Amino acid sequence: MHILQELNQEGKTIVLVTHERDIASHTHRILHFRDGQLVDNETIEQPVEALEVLKELVEEEVVESV
């Protein structure tokens, strides 16, 4: 996910299709479709930073292994 966020910051358009809200929360914009129709266009002011999530997971693993 971090690589996709970096590419987007470089100006690349990324289209990611998911049913997982936690994955979608890493993006700046979420389009909701139902029966092939756009039903909502949501802007995310503060997307989740994938690199921060990864750092937290690594720290948890280090603590658990001690």
N, C-alpha and C. Protein backbone atom coordinates (compact mmCIF):
# COMPACT_ATOMS: atom_id res chain seq x y z
N MET A 1 0.82 -1.18 0.00
CA MET A 1 0.00 0.00 0.00
C MET A 1 0.86 1.25 0.00
N HIS A 2 1.99 1.18 0.70
CA HIS A 2 2.88 2.33 0.76
C HIS A 2 3.39 2.71 -0.63
N ILE A 3 3.70 1.72 -1.44
CA ILE A 3 4.18 1.99 -2.80
C ILE A 3 3.11 2.71 -3.60
N LEU A 4 1.85 2.29 -3.46
CA LEU A 4 0.76 2.95 -4.17
C LEU A 4 0.60 4.39 -3.70
N GLN A 5 0.74 4.62 -2.40
CA GLN A 5 0.64 5.99 -1.87
C GLN A 5 1.78 6.86 -2.41
N GLU A 6 2.99 6.31 -2.50
CA GLU A 6 4.11 7.07 -3.05
C GLU A 6 3.87 7.42 -4.51
N LEU A 7 3.41 6.47 -5.30
CA LEU A 7 3.12 6.73 -6.71
C LEU A 7 2.07 7.82 -6.85
N ASN A 8 1.05 7.78 -6.00
CA ASN A 8 0.00 8.79 -6.04
C ASN A 8 0.56 10.17 -5.69
N GLN A 9 1.45 10.23 -4.72
CA GLN A 9 2.07 11.50 -4.34
C GLN A 9 2.93 12.06 -5.46
N GLU A 10 3.43 11.19 -6.33
CA GLU A 10 4.21 11.61 -7.49
C GLU A 10 3.31 12.07 -8.64
N GLY A 11 2.00 12.00 -8.44
CA GLY A 11 1.07 12.47 -9.47
C GLY A 11 0.41 11.38 -10.29
N LYS A 12 0.70 10.14 -9.98
CA LYS A 12 0.09 9.01 -10.69
C LYS A 12 -1.32 8.76 -10.16
N THR A 13 -2.23 8.45 -11.06
CA THR A 13 -3.59 8.08 -10.66
C THR A 13 -3.62 6.59 -10.38
N ILE A 14 -4.15 6.22 -9.23
CA ILE A 14 -4.26 4.82 -8.82
C ILE A 14 -5.74 4.47 -8.69
N VAL A 15 -6.16 3.39 -9.32
CA VAL A 15 -7.52 2.89 -9.16
C VAL A 15 -7.42 1.58 -8.40
N LEU A 16 -8.01 1.54 -7.23
CA LEU A 16 -7.96 0.37 -6.36
C LEU A 16 -9.39 -0.06 -6.08
N VAL A 17 -9.69 -1.30 -6.36
CA VAL A 17 -11.03 -1.82 -6.13
C VAL A 17 -10.98 -2.75 -4.91
N THR A 18 -11.81 -2.47 -3.91
CA THR A 18 -11.82 -3.30 -2.70
C THR A 18 -13.19 -3.25 -2.05
N HIS A 19 -13.48 -4.27 -1.28
CA HIS A 19 -14.67 -4.29 -0.44
C HIS A 19 -14.30 -4.02 1.01
N GLU A 20 -13.02 -3.81 1.26
CA GLU A 20 -12.50 -3.64 2.63
C GLU A 20 -12.36 -2.17 2.97
N ARG A 21 -13.12 -1.70 3.95
CA ARG A 21 -13.09 -0.30 4.35
C ARG A 21 -11.71 0.10 4.89
N ASP A 22 -11.03 -0.80 5.62
CA ASP A 22 -9.72 -0.45 6.16
C ASP A 22 -8.69 -0.24 5.05
N ILE A 23 -8.81 -0.94 3.95
CA ILE A 23 -7.92 -0.73 2.81
C ILE A 23 -8.28 0.60 2.13
N ALA A 24 -9.55 0.84 1.93
CA ALA A 24 -10.00 2.08 1.29
C ALA A 24 -9.62 3.31 2.10
N SER A 25 -9.46 3.17 3.41
CA SER A 25 -9.15 4.32 4.26
C SER A 25 -7.74 4.87 4.01
N HIS A 26 -6.94 4.19 3.20
CA HIS A 26 -5.61 4.67 2.83
C HIS A 26 -5.66 5.66 1.65
N THR A 27 -6.84 5.89 1.10
CA THR A 27 -6.96 6.70 -0.10
C THR A 27 -7.52 8.09 0.20
N HIS A 28 -7.42 8.97 -0.79
CA HIS A 28 -7.94 10.33 -0.65
C HIS A 28 -9.41 10.42 -1.07
N ARG A 29 -9.85 9.42 -1.81
CA ARG A 29 -11.22 9.48 -2.34
C ARG A 29 -11.78 8.07 -2.44
N ILE A 30 -13.02 7.91 -2.01
CA ILE A 30 -13.69 6.61 -2.11
C ILE A 30 -14.99 6.80 -2.89
N LEU A 31 -15.12 6.03 -3.94
CA LEU A 31 -16.35 6.03 -4.73
C LEU A 31 -17.13 4.77 -4.37
N HIS A 32 -18.38 4.94 -4.00
CA HIS A 32 -19.24 3.81 -3.62
C HIS A 32 -20.19 3.52 -4.78
N PHE A 33 -20.22 2.26 -5.18
CA PHE A 33 -21.11 1.83 -6.25
C PHE A 33 -22.11 0.81 -5.72
N ARG A 34 -23.30 0.84 -6.26
CA ARG A 34 -24.32 -0.17 -5.95
C ARG A 34 -25.05 -0.48 -7.26
N ASP A 35 -25.09 -1.73 -7.61
CA ASP A 35 -25.74 -2.17 -8.85
C ASP A 35 -25.22 -1.41 -10.07
N GLY A 36 -23.89 -1.16 -10.08
CA GLY A 36 -23.27 -0.51 -11.21
C GLY A 36 -23.45 1.00 -11.28
N GLN A 37 -24.08 1.57 -10.27
CA GLN A 37 -24.33 3.02 -10.25
C GLN A 37 -23.53 3.66 -9.12
N LEU A 38 -22.97 4.84 -9.39
CA LEU A 38 -22.27 5.60 -8.37
C LEU A 38 -23.29 6.14 -7.38
N VAL A 39 -23.15 5.79 -6.10
CA VAL A 39 -24.11 6.24 -5.09
C VAL A 39 -23.50 7.20 -4.08
N ASP A 40 -22.15 7.28 -4.03
CA ASP A 40 -21.51 8.20 -3.09
C ASP A 40 -20.09 8.47 -3.55
N ASN A 41 -19.64 9.69 -3.31
CA ASN A 41 -18.29 10.13 -3.65
C ASN A 41 -17.73 10.76 -2.39
N GLU A 42 -16.90 10.02 -1.69
CA GLU A 42 -16.42 10.43 -0.37
C GLU A 42 -14.96 10.90 -0.44
N THR A 43 -14.69 12.08 0.11
CA THR A 43 -13.33 12.59 0.19
C THR A 43 -12.79 12.33 1.59
N ILE A 44 -11.58 11.79 1.66
CA ILE A 44 -10.93 11.48 2.93
C ILE A 44 -9.89 12.57 3.19
N GLU A 45 -10.12 13.34 4.23
CA GLU A 45 -9.22 14.46 4.56
C GLU A 45 -7.86 13.98 5.03
N GLN A 46 -7.82 12.94 5.86
CA GLN A 46 -6.58 12.42 6.43
C GLN A 46 -6.49 10.91 6.18
N PRO A 47 -6.04 10.50 4.98
CA PRO A 47 -5.92 9.07 4.72
C PRO A 47 -4.94 8.41 5.67
N VAL A 48 -5.16 7.15 5.96
CA VAL A 48 -4.25 6.37 6.79
C VAL A 48 -2.93 6.22 6.02
N GLU A 49 -1.81 6.48 6.68
CA GLU A 49 -0.49 6.33 6.06
C GLU A 49 -0.03 4.89 6.23
N ALA A 50 0.15 4.21 5.13
CA ALA A 50 0.53 2.79 5.15
C ALA A 50 1.87 2.57 5.86
N LEU A 51 2.80 3.48 5.67
CA LEU A 51 4.11 3.32 6.30
C LEU A 51 4.00 3.38 7.82
N GLU A 52 3.12 4.22 8.33
CA GLU A 52 2.91 4.31 9.79
C GLU A 52 2.29 3.03 10.33
N VAL A 53 1.35 2.47 9.60
CA VAL A 53 0.73 1.20 10.01
C VAL A 53 1.78 0.10 10.05
N LEU A 54 2.64 0.06 9.04
CA LEU A 54 3.70 -0.94 8.99
C LEU A 54 4.66 -0.79 10.17
N LYS A 55 5.04 0.44 10.48
CA LYS A 55 5.93 0.67 11.62
C LYS A 55 5.31 0.18 12.92
N GLU A 56 4.02 0.44 13.11
CA GLU A 56 3.32 -0.01 14.31
C GLU A 56 3.31 -1.53 14.40
N LEU A 57 3.07 -2.20 13.27
CA LEU A 57 3.06 -3.66 13.26
C LEU A 57 4.43 -4.23 13.60
N VAL A 58 5.47 -3.63 13.08
CA VAL A 58 6.83 -4.10 13.37
C VAL A 58 7.15 -3.90 14.84
N GLU A 59 6.79 -2.75 15.39
CA GLU A 59 7.03 -2.49 16.81
C GLU A 59 6.30 -3.49 17.69
N GLU A 60 5.07 -3.83 17.33
CA GLU A 60 4.30 -4.81 18.10
C GLU A 60 4.99 -6.17 18.07
N GLU A 61 5.51 -6.56 16.90
CA GLU A 61 6.19 -7.84 16.76
C GLU A 61 7.45 -7.87 17.63
N VAL A 62 8.19 -6.78 17.67
CA VAL A 62 9.41 -6.71 18.47
C VAL A 62 9.07 -6.86 19.94
N VAL A 63 8.05 -6.16 20.40
CA VAL A 63 7.64 -6.23 21.79
C VAL A 63 7.18 -7.63 22.17
N GLU A 64 6.40 -8.26 21.29
CA GLU A 64 5.89 -9.60 21.57
C GLU A 64 7.00 -10.65 21.58
N SER A 65 8.05 -10.42 20.83
CA SER A 65 9.12 -11.43 20.76
C SER A 65 10.10 -11.32 21.92
N VAL A 66 10.01 -10.26 22.70
CA VAL A 66 10.94 -10.08 23.84
C VAL A 66 10.46 -10.83 25.05
